[in-house]
Amino acid sequence: MYLLEVLNPVAQQRGLMNSTKINERPETLDDATIGLIWSGTHGGDVALKRAGEMLQERFKNVQVNFYTGGNYPAPPPIVKQAGEECDVVIGATAD
């Protein structure tokens, strides 16, 4: 007699494994330092840089720091550095 083992081929989503609680949003971005984290995928840097420009146009005295993660997902040390140095962090993985 043979034993048939059935496996579920659906993997747990990476985003669910690494999910964290979202921080509260600041009331304003005036005088804020905003971190932009790029994973290195095609087009993400363009989108992030434009987002940074738009935020500087809309809010006063905004400083933008650009971080290159190098791959997806961004390495934890880069994310940690951005979180420590910035008031708000935006990430992009455009293709």
PDB file of N, CA and C in Angstrom:
ATOM      1  N   MET A   1       0.851  -1.178   0.000  1.00  0.00           N
ATOM      2  CA  MET A   1       0.000   0.000   0.000  1.00  0.00           C
ATOM      3  C   MET A   1       0.893   1.236   0.000  1.00  0.00           C
ATOM      4  N   TYR A   2       0.471   2.284  -0.695  1.00  0.00           N
ATOM      5  CA  TYR A   2       1.229   3.521  -0.813  1.00  0.00           C
ATOM      6  C   TYR A   2       0.583   4.626  -0.006  1.00  0.00           C
ATOM      7  N   LEU A   3       1.412   5.531   0.460  1.00  0.00           N
ATOM      8  CA  LEU A   3       0.925   6.699   1.209  1.00  0.00           C
ATOM      9  C   LEU A   3       1.050   7.923   0.315  1.00  0.00           C
ATOM     10  N   LEU A   4      -0.025   8.665   0.165  1.00  0.00           N
ATOM     11  CA  LEU A   4      -0.026   9.878  -0.649  1.00  0.00           C
ATOM     12  C   LEU A   4      -0.079  11.072   0.299  1.00  0.00           C
ATOM     13  N   GLU A   5       0.961  11.920   0.216  1.00  0.00           N
ATOM     14  CA  GLU A   5       1.004  13.120   1.042  1.00  0.00           C
ATOM     15  C   GLU A   5       0.698  14.326   0.157  1.00  0.00           C
ATOM     16  N   VAL A   6      -0.312  15.105   0.503  1.00  0.00           N
ATOM     17  CA  VAL A   6      -0.716  16.276  -0.273  1.00  0.00           C
ATOM     18  C   VAL A   6      -0.198  17.512   0.448  1.00  0.00           C
ATOM     19  N   LEU A   7       0.537  18.352  -0.280  1.00  0.00           N
ATOM     20  CA  LEU A   7       1.097  19.578   0.280  1.00  0.00           C
ATOM     21  C   LEU A   7       0.415  20.786  -0.334  1.00  0.00           C
ATOM     22  N   ASN A   8       0.310  21.835   0.424  1.00  0.00           N
ATOM     23  CA  ASN A   8      -0.257  23.093  -0.061  1.00  0.00           C
ATOM     24  C   ASN A   8       0.865  23.888  -0.724  1.00  0.00           C
ATOM     25  N   PRO A   9       0.783  24.159  -2.035  1.00  0.00           N
ATOM     26  CA  PRO A   9       1.878  24.849  -2.726  1.00  0.00           C
ATOM     27  C   PRO A   9       1.887  26.366  -2.532  1.00  0.00           C
ATOM     28  N   VAL A  10       1.009  26.890  -1.733  1.00  0.00           N
ATOM     29  CA  VAL A  10       0.929  28.336  -1.531  1.00  0.00           C
ATOM     30  C   VAL A  10       1.852  28.726  -0.380  1.00  0.00           C
ATOM     31  N   ALA A  11       2.810  29.571  -0.671  1.00  0.00           N
ATOM     32  CA  ALA A  11       3.768  30.015   0.338  1.00  0.00           C
ATOM     33  C   ALA A  11       3.212  31.213   1.104  1.00  0.00           C
ATOM     34  N   GLN A  12       3.713  31.386   2.294  1.00  0.00           N
ATOM     35  CA  GLN A  12       3.346  32.556   3.073  1.00  0.00           C
ATOM     36  C   GLN A  12       3.956  33.782   2.398  1.00  0.00           C
ATOM     37  N   GLN A  13       3.185  34.845   2.305  1.00  0.00           N
ATOM     38  CA  GLN A  13       3.670  36.050   1.657  1.00  0.00           C
ATOM     39  C   GLN A  13       4.769  36.696   2.484  1.00  0.00           C
ATOM     40  N   ARG A  14       5.829  37.140   1.788  1.00  0.00           N
ATOM     41  CA  ARG A  14       6.976  37.751   2.464  1.00  0.00           C
ATOM     42  C   ARG A  14       6.540  38.979   3.277  1.00  0.00           C
ATOM     43  N   GLY A  15       5.619  39.745   2.723  1.00  0.00           N
ATOM     44  CA  GLY A  15       5.157  40.938   3.416  1.00  0.00           C
ATOM     45  C   GLY A  15       4.497  40.614   4.751  1.00  0.00           C
ATOM     46  N   LEU A  16       3.829  39.482   4.832  1.00  0.00           N
ATOM     47  CA  LEU A  16       3.187  39.092   6.088  1.00  0.00           C
ATOM     48  C   LEU A  16       4.218  38.625   7.108  1.00  0.00           C
ATOM     49  N   MET A  17       5.288  38.021   6.626  1.00  0.00           N
ATOM     50  CA  MET A  17       6.326  37.534   7.531  1.00  0.00           C
ATOM     51  C   MET A  17       7.094  38.695   8.160  1.00  0.00           C
ATOM     52  N   ASN A  18       7.270  39.777   7.409  1.00  0.00           N
ATOM     53  CA  ASN A  18       8.086  40.895   7.866  1.00  0.00           C
ATOM     54  C   ASN A  18       7.259  42.123   8.233  1.00  0.00           C
ATOM     55  N   SER A  19       5.961  41.967   8.358  1.00  0.00           N
ATOM     56  CA  SER A  19       5.123  43.140   8.587  1.00  0.00           C
ATOM     57  C   SER A  19       5.347  43.715   9.985  1.00  0.00           C
ATOM     58  N   THR A  20       5.262  45.005  10.046  1.00  0.00           N
ATOM     59  CA  THR A  20       5.387  45.704  11.320  1.00  0.00           C
ATOM     60  C   THR A  20       4.245  46.693  11.440  1.00  0.00           C
ATOM     61  N   LYS A  21       4.026  47.154  12.622  1.00  0.00           N
ATOM     62  CA  LYS A  21       2.969  48.119  12.872  1.00  0.00           C
ATOM     63  C   LYS A  21       3.338  49.458  12.222  1.00  0.00           C
ATOM     64  N   ILE A  22       2.380  50.081  11.597  1.00  0.00           N
ATOM     65  CA  ILE A  22       2.600  51.381  10.973  1.00  0.00           C
ATOM     66  C   ILE A  22       2.585  52.455  12.059  1.00  0.00           C
ATOM     67  N   ASN A  23       3.564  53.344  12.002  1.00  0.00           N
ATOM     68  CA  ASN A  23       3.622  54.445  12.959  1.00  0.00           C
ATOM     69  C   ASN A  23       2.526  55.459  12.676  1.00  0.00           C
ATOM     70  N   GLU A  24       2.211  56.247  13.679  1.00  0.00           N
ATOM     71  CA  GLU A  24       1.231  57.311  13.490  1.00  0.00           C
ATOM     72  C   GLU A  24       1.778  58.337  12.506  1.00  0.00           C
ATOM     73  N   ARG A  25       0.887  58.932  11.728  1.00  0.00           N
ATOM     74  CA  ARG A  25       1.294  59.959  10.778  1.00  0.00           C
ATOM     75  C   ARG A  25       1.474  61.284  11.501  1.00  0.00           C
ATOM     76  N   PRO A  26       2.501  62.039  11.112  1.00  0.00           N
ATOM     77  CA  PRO A  26       2.669  63.364  11.725  1.00  0.00           C
ATOM     78  C   PRO A  26       1.568  64.310  11.242  1.00  0.00           C
ATOM     79  N   GLU A  27       1.285  65.327  12.035  1.00  0.00           N
ATOM     80  CA  GLU A  27       0.247  66.287  11.656  1.00  0.00           C
ATOM     81  C   GLU A  27       0.662  67.080  10.420  1.00  0.00           C
ATOM     82  N   THR A  28       1.952  67.353  10.268  1.00  0.00           N
ATOM     83  CA  THR A  28       2.460  68.093   9.126  1.00  0.00           C
ATOM     84  C   THR A  28       3.852  67.588   8.779  1.00  0.00           C
ATOM     85  N   LEU A  29       4.259  67.868   7.565  1.00  0.00           N
ATOM     86  CA  LEU A  29       5.624  67.524   7.154  1.00  0.00           C
ATOM     87  C   LEU A  29       6.513  68.760   7.118  1.00  0.00           C
ATOM     88  N   ASP A  30       5.971  69.906   7.544  1.00  0.00           N
ATOM     89  CA  ASP A  30       6.798  71.106   7.661  1.00  0.00           C
ATOM     90  C   ASP A  30       7.957  70.810   8.617  1.00  0.00           C
ATOM     91  N   ASP A  31       9.156  71.240   8.243  1.00  0.00           N
ATOM     92  CA  ASP A  31      10.362  71.073   9.062  1.00  0.00           C
ATOM     93  C   ASP A  31      10.734  69.605   9.306  1.00  0.00           C
ATOM     94  N   ALA A  32      10.289  68.707   8.451  1.00  0.00           N
ATOM     95  CA  ALA A  32      10.554  67.274   8.631  1.00  0.00           C
ATOM     96  C   ALA A  32      11.737  66.818   7.783  1.00  0.00           C
ATOM     97  N   THR A  33      12.366  65.746   8.244  1.00  0.00           N
ATOM     98  CA  THR A  33      13.372  65.053   7.449  1.00  0.00           C
ATOM     99  C   THR A  33      12.715  63.786   6.925  1.00  0.00           C
ATOM    100  N   ILE A  34      12.725  63.639   5.600  1.00  0.00           N
ATOM    101  CA  ILE A  34      12.049  62.517   4.965  1.00  0.00           C
ATOM    102  C   ILE A  34      13.093  61.594   4.343  1.00  0.00           C
ATOM    103  N   GLY A  35      13.017  60.330   4.675  1.00  0.00           N
ATOM    104  CA  GLY A  35      13.915  59.344   4.106  1.00  0.00           C
ATOM    105  C   GLY A  35      13.258  58.628   2.949  1.00  0.00           C
ATOM    106  N   LEU A  36      13.978  58.503   1.850  1.00  0.00           N
ATOM    107  CA  LEU A  36      13.500  57.790   0.670  1.00  0.00           C
ATOM    108  C   LEU A  36      14.380  56.560   0.484  1.00  0.00           C
ATOM    109  N   ILE A  37      13.786  55.367   0.585  1.00  0.00           N
ATOM    110  CA  ILE A  37      14.551  54.127   0.461  1.00  0.00           C
ATOM    111  C   ILE A  37      14.231  53.473  -0.874  1.00  0.00           C
ATOM    112  N   TRP A  38      15.270  53.300  -1.681  1.00  0.00           N
ATOM    113  CA  TRP A  38      15.126  52.665  -2.990  1.00  0.00           C
ATOM    114  C   TRP A  38      15.748  51.281  -2.946  1.00  0.00           C
ATOM    115  N   SER A  39      15.019  50.299  -3.425  1.00  0.00           N
ATOM    116  CA  SER A  39      15.491  48.917  -3.397  1.00  0.00           C
ATOM    117  C   SER A  39      16.439  48.577  -4.533  1.00  0.00           C
ATOM    118  N   GLY A  40      16.587  49.468  -5.503  1.00  0.00           N
ATOM    119  CA  GLY A  40      17.471  49.210  -6.625  1.00  0.00           C
ATOM    120  C   GLY A  40      16.741  48.751  -7.870  1.00  0.00           C
ATOM    121  N   THR A  41      15.420  48.565  -7.803  1.00  0.00           N
ATOM    122  CA  THR A  41      14.688  48.132  -8.981  1.00  0.00           C
ATOM    123  C   THR A  41      14.482  49.285  -9.955  1.00  0.00           C
ATOM    124  N   HIS A  42      14.318  48.925 -11.215  1.00  0.00           N
ATOM    125  CA  HIS A  42      14.215  49.898 -12.299  1.00  0.00           C
ATOM    126  C   HIS A  42      13.060  50.885 -12.068  1.00  0.00           C
ATOM    127  N   GLY A  43      13.386  52.163 -12.079  1.00  0.00           N
ATOM    128  CA  GLY A  43      12.375  53.218 -11.990  1.00  0.00           C
ATOM    129  C   GLY A  43      12.039  53.680 -10.587  1.00  0.00           C
ATOM    130  N   GLY A  44      12.397  52.911  -9.590  1.00  0.00           N
ATOM    131  CA  GLY A  44      12.069  53.296  -8.217  1.00  0.00           C
ATOM    132  C   GLY A  44      12.765  54.569  -7.788  1.00  0.00           C
ATOM    133  N   ASP A  45      14.003  54.754  -8.221  1.00  0.00           N
ATOM    134  CA  ASP A  45      14.741  55.963  -7.861  1.00  0.00           C
ATOM    135  C   ASP A  45      14.105  57.204  -8.471  1.00  0.00           C
ATOM    136  N   VAL A  46      13.618  57.080  -9.693  1.00  0.00           N
ATOM    137  CA  VAL A  46      12.966  58.211 -10.361  1.00  0.00           C
ATOM    138  C   VAL A  46      11.695  58.604  -9.618  1.00  0.00           C
ATOM    139  N   ALA A  47      10.888  57.609  -9.261  1.00  0.00           N
ATOM    140  CA  ALA A  47       9.642  57.875  -8.548  1.00  0.00           C
ATOM    141  C   ALA A  47       9.907  58.499  -7.181  1.00  0.00           C
ATOM    142  N   LEU A  48      10.885  57.965  -6.460  1.00  0.00           N
ATOM    143  CA  LEU A  48      11.194  58.495  -5.134  1.00  0.00           C
ATOM    144  C   LEU A  48      11.734  59.914  -5.193  1.00  0.00           C
ATOM    145  N   LYS A  49      12.639  60.166  -6.129  1.00  0.00           N
ATOM    146  CA  LYS A  49      13.204  61.516  -6.233  1.00  0.00           C
ATOM    147  C   LYS A  49      12.124  62.529  -6.574  1.00  0.00           C
ATOM    148  N   ARG A  50      11.205  62.143  -7.442  1.00  0.00           N
ATOM    149  CA  ARG A  50      10.109  63.055  -7.785  1.00  0.00           C
ATOM    150  C   ARG A  50       9.194  63.266  -6.577  1.00  0.00           C
ATOM    151  N   ALA A  51       8.933  62.219  -5.823  1.00  0.00           N
ATOM    152  CA  ALA A  51       8.119  62.356  -4.608  1.00  0.00           C
ATOM    153  C   ALA A  51       8.790  63.306  -3.624  1.00  0.00           C
ATOM    154  N   GLY A  52      10.104  63.189  -3.489  1.00  0.00           N
ATOM    155  CA  GLY A  52      10.844  64.093  -2.606  1.00  0.00           C
ATOM    156  C   GLY A  52      10.736  65.544  -3.061  1.00  0.00           C
ATOM    157  N   GLU A  53      10.859  65.775  -4.368  1.00  0.00           N
ATOM    158  CA  GLU A  53      10.725  67.127  -4.907  1.00  0.00           C
ATOM    159  C   GLU A  53       9.335  67.698  -4.632  1.00  0.00           C
ATOM    160  N   MET A  54       8.323  66.870  -4.837  1.00  0.00           N
ATOM    161  CA  MET A  54       6.940  67.321  -4.618  1.00  0.00           C
ATOM    162  C   MET A  54       6.690  67.666  -3.150  1.00  0.00           C
ATOM    163  N   LEU A  55       7.259  66.865  -2.249  1.00  0.00           N
ATOM    164  CA  LEU A  55       7.097  67.162  -0.825  1.00  0.00           C
ATOM    165  C   LEU A  55       7.802  68.460  -0.454  1.00  0.00           C
ATOM    166  N   GLN A  56       8.968  68.710  -1.054  1.00  0.00           N
ATOM    167  CA  GLN A  56       9.681  69.968  -0.789  1.00  0.00           C
ATOM    168  C   GLN A  56       8.923  71.170  -1.342  1.00  0.00           C
ATOM    169  N   GLU A  57       8.202  70.974  -2.433  1.00  0.00           N
ATOM    170  CA  GLU A  57       7.385  72.058  -2.995  1.00  0.00           C
ATOM    171  C   GLU A  57       6.158  72.330  -2.129  1.00  0.00           C
ATOM    172  N   ARG A  58       5.608  71.306  -1.543  1.00  0.00           N
ATOM    173  CA  ARG A  58       4.346  71.430  -0.803  1.00  0.00           C
ATOM    174  C   ARG A  58       4.532  71.862   0.652  1.00  0.00           C
ATOM    175  N   PHE A  59       5.605  71.421   1.280  1.00  0.00           N
ATOM    176  CA  PHE A  59       5.834  71.712   2.694  1.00  0.00           C
ATOM    177  C   PHE A  59       7.089  72.557   2.852  1.00  0.00           C
ATOM    178  N   LYS A  60       7.142  73.335   3.940  1.00  0.00           N
ATOM    179  CA  LYS A  60       8.295  74.213   4.116  1.00  0.00           C
ATOM    180  C   LYS A  60       9.401  73.531   4.905  1.00  0.00           C
ATOM    181  N   ASN A  61      10.629  73.862   4.535  1.00  0.00           N
ATOM    182  CA  ASN A  61      11.832  73.410   5.231  1.00  0.00           C
ATOM    183  C   ASN A  61      11.914  71.883   5.355  1.00  0.00           C
ATOM    184  N   VAL A  62      11.649  71.185   4.251  1.00  0.00           N
ATOM    185  CA  VAL A  62      11.735  69.723   4.234  1.00  0.00           C
ATOM    186  C   VAL A  62      13.119  69.305   3.746  1.00  0.00           C
ATOM    187  N   GLN A  63      13.749  68.427   4.507  1.00  0.00           N
ATOM    188  CA  GLN A  63      15.031  67.852   4.101  1.00  0.00           C
ATOM    189  C   GLN A  63      14.770  66.426   3.626  1.00  0.00           C
ATOM    190  N   VAL A  64      15.387  66.046   2.504  1.00  0.00           N
ATOM    191  CA  VAL A  64      15.196  64.705   1.950  1.00  0.00           C
ATOM    192  C   VAL A  64      16.524  63.952   1.975  1.00  0.00           C
ATOM    193  N   ASN A  65      16.519  62.768   2.568  1.00  0.00           N
ATOM    194  CA  ASN A  65      17.681  61.877   2.578  1.00  0.00           C
ATOM    195  C   ASN A  65      17.356  60.676   1.701  1.00  0.00           C
ATOM    196  N   PHE A  66      18.255  60.349   0.764  1.00  0.00           N
ATOM    197  CA  PHE A  66      18.034  59.236  -0.156  1.00  0.00           C
ATOM    198  C   PHE A  66      18.911  58.054   0.252  1.00  0.00           C
ATOM    199  N   TYR A  67      18.292  56.891   0.387  1.00  0.00           N
ATOM    200  CA  TYR A  67      19.004  55.677   0.789  1.00  0.00           C
ATOM    201  C   TYR A  67      18.857  54.626  -0.307  1.00  0.00           C
ATOM    202  N   THR A  68      19.936  53.957  -0.634  1.00  0.00           N
ATOM    203  CA  THR A  68      19.899  52.884  -1.613  1.00  0.00           C
ATOM    204  C   THR A  68      20.006  51.556  -0.893  1.00  0.00           C
ATOM    205  N   GLY A  69      18.939  50.775  -0.980  1.00  0.00           N
ATOM    206  CA  GLY A  69      18.922  49.472  -0.322  1.00  0.00           C
ATOM    207  C   GLY A  69      19.700  48.420  -1.071  1.00  0.00           C
ATOM    208  N   GLY A  70      19.771  48.546  -2.398  1.00  0.00           N
ATOM    209  CA  GLY A  70      20.543  47.602  -3.187  1.00  0.00           C
ATOM    210  C   GLY A  70      19.773  46.381  -3.643  1.00  0.00           C
ATOM    211  N   ASN A  71      18.787  45.941  -2.910  1.00  0.00           N
ATOM    212  CA  ASN A  71      17.969  44.808  -3.336  1.00  0.00           C
ATOM    213  C   ASN A  71      16.653  44.800  -2.570  1.00  0.00           C
ATOM    214  N   TYR A  72      15.741  43.929  -3.002  1.00  0.00           N
ATOM    215  CA  TYR A  72      14.437  43.832  -2.357  1.00  0.00           C
ATOM    216  C   TYR A  72      14.408  42.611  -1.470  1.00  0.00           C
ATOM    217  N   PRO A  73      13.928  42.713  -0.273  1.00  0.00           N
ATOM    218  CA  PRO A  73      13.592  43.969   0.403  1.00  0.00           C
ATOM    219  C   PRO A  73      14.861  44.699   0.831  1.00  0.00           C
ATOM    220  N   ALA A  74      14.685  45.966   1.163  1.00  0.00           N
ATOM    221  CA  ALA A  74      15.840  46.766   1.590  1.00  0.00           C
ATOM    222  C   ALA A  74      16.466  46.106   2.826  1.00  0.00           C
ATOM    223  N   PRO A  75      17.784  46.085   2.901  1.00  0.00           N
ATOM    224  CA  PRO A  75      18.456  45.466   4.045  1.00  0.00           C
ATOM    225  C   PRO A  75      18.056  46.133   5.365  1.00  0.00           C
ATOM    226  N   PRO A  76      17.814  45.346   6.397  1.00  0.00           N
ATOM    227  CA  PRO A  76      17.407  45.906   7.691  1.00  0.00           C
ATOM    228  C   PRO A  76      18.310  47.024   8.213  1.00  0.00           C
ATOM    229  N   PRO A  77      19.644  46.963   8.040  1.00  0.00           N
ATOM    230  CA  PRO A  77      20.460  48.078   8.534  1.00  0.00           C
ATOM    231  C   PRO A  77      20.136  49.411   7.843  1.00  0.00           C
ATOM    232  N   ILE A  78      19.799  49.362   6.547  1.00  0.00           N
ATOM    233  CA  ILE A  78      19.434  50.586   5.825  1.00  0.00           C
ATOM    234  C   ILE A  78      18.107  51.124   6.339  1.00  0.00           C
ATOM    235  N   VAL A  79      17.151  50.239   6.533  1.00  0.00           N
ATOM    236  CA  VAL A  79      15.842  50.642   7.053  1.00  0.00           C
ATOM    237  C   VAL A  79      15.993  51.235   8.448  1.00  0.00           C
ATOM    238  N   LYS A  80      16.812  50.599   9.271  1.00  0.00           N
ATOM    239  CA  LYS A  80      17.053  51.089  10.632  1.00  0.00           C
ATOM    240  C   LYS A  80      17.707  52.469  10.605  1.00  0.00           C
ATOM    241  N   GLN A  81      18.710  52.647   9.756  1.00  0.00           N
ATOM    242  CA  GLN A  81      19.391  53.931   9.652  1.00  0.00           C
ATOM    243  C   GLN A  81      18.415  55.019   9.231  1.00  0.00           C
ATOM    244  N   ALA A  82      17.606  54.743   8.226  1.00  0.00           N
ATOM    245  CA  ALA A  82      16.629  55.732   7.765  1.00  0.00           C
ATOM    246  C   ALA A  82      15.638  56.061   8.872  1.00  0.00           C
ATOM    247  N   GLY A  83      15.193  55.056   9.603  1.00  0.00           N
ATOM    248  CA  GLY A  83      14.244  55.280  10.692  1.00  0.00           C
ATOM    249  C   GLY A  83      14.818  56.130  11.812  1.00  0.00           C
ATOM    250  N   GLU A  84      16.114  55.972  12.066  1.00  0.00           N
ATOM    251  CA  GLU A  84      16.765  56.746  13.126  1.00  0.00           C
ATOM    252  C   GLU A  84      17.054  58.184  12.695  1.00  0.00           C
ATOM    253  N   GLU A  85      17.339  58.383  11.410  1.00  0.00           N
ATOM    254  CA  GLU A  85      17.746  59.698  10.922  1.00  0.00           C
ATOM    255  C   GLU A  85      16.589  60.555  10.411  1.00  0.00           C
ATOM    256  N   CYS A  86      15.428  59.954  10.198  1.00  0.00           N
ATOM    257  CA  CYS A  86      14.332  60.662   9.544  1.00  0.00           C
ATOM    258  C   CYS A  86      13.051  60.637  10.372  1.00  0.00           C
ATOM    259  N   ASP A  87      12.202  61.632  10.113  1.00  0.00           N
ATOM    260  CA  ASP A  87      10.895  61.688  10.761  1.00  0.00           C
ATOM    261  C   ASP A  87       9.888  60.794  10.051  1.00  0.00           C
ATOM    262  N   VAL A  88      10.029  60.689   8.733  1.00  0.00           N
ATOM    263  CA  VAL A  88       9.133  59.900   7.892  1.00  0.00           C
ATOM    264  C   VAL A  88       9.991  59.153   6.873  1.00  0.00           C
ATOM    265  N   VAL A  89       9.612  57.912   6.553  1.00  0.00           N
ATOM    266  CA  VAL A  89      10.347  57.116   5.572  1.00  0.00           C
ATOM    267  C   VAL A  89       9.371  56.620   4.507  1.00  0.00           C
ATOM    268  N   ILE A  90       9.799  56.749   3.242  1.00  0.00           N
ATOM    269  CA  ILE A  90       9.013  56.263   2.107  1.00  0.00           C
ATOM    270  C   ILE A  90       9.883  55.274   1.351  1.00  0.00           C
ATOM    271  N   GLY A  91       9.335  54.137   0.995  1.00  0.00           N
ATOM    272  CA  GLY A  91      10.083  53.149   0.226  1.00  0.00           C
ATOM    273  C   GLY A  91       9.407  52.886  -1.107  1.00  0.00           C
ATOM    274  N   ALA A  92      10.186  52.503  -2.113  1.00  0.00           N
ATOM    275  CA  ALA A  92       9.637  52.185  -3.425  1.00  0.00           C
ATOM    276  C   ALA A  92      10.374  51.030  -4.040  1.00  0.00           C
ATOM    277  N   THR A  93       9.614  50.208  -4.775  1.00  0.00           N
ATOM    278  CA  THR A  93      10.195  49.078  -5.494  1.00  0.00           C
ATOM    279  C   THR A  93       9.598  49.024  -6.892  1.00  0.00           C
ATOM    280  N   ALA A  94       9.633  50.123  -7.614  1.00  0.00           N
ATOM    281  CA  ALA A  94       9.005  50.204  -8.934  1.00  0.00           C
ATOM    282  C   ALA A  94       9.724  49.336  -9.948  1.00  0.00           C
ATOM    283  N   ASP A  95       8.990  48.867 -10.933  1.00  0.00           N
ATOM    284  CA  ASP A  95       9.547  48.096 -12.050  1.00  0.00           C
ATOM    285  C   ASP A  95       9.015  48.647 -13.347  1.00  0.00           C
TER     286      ASP A  95
END
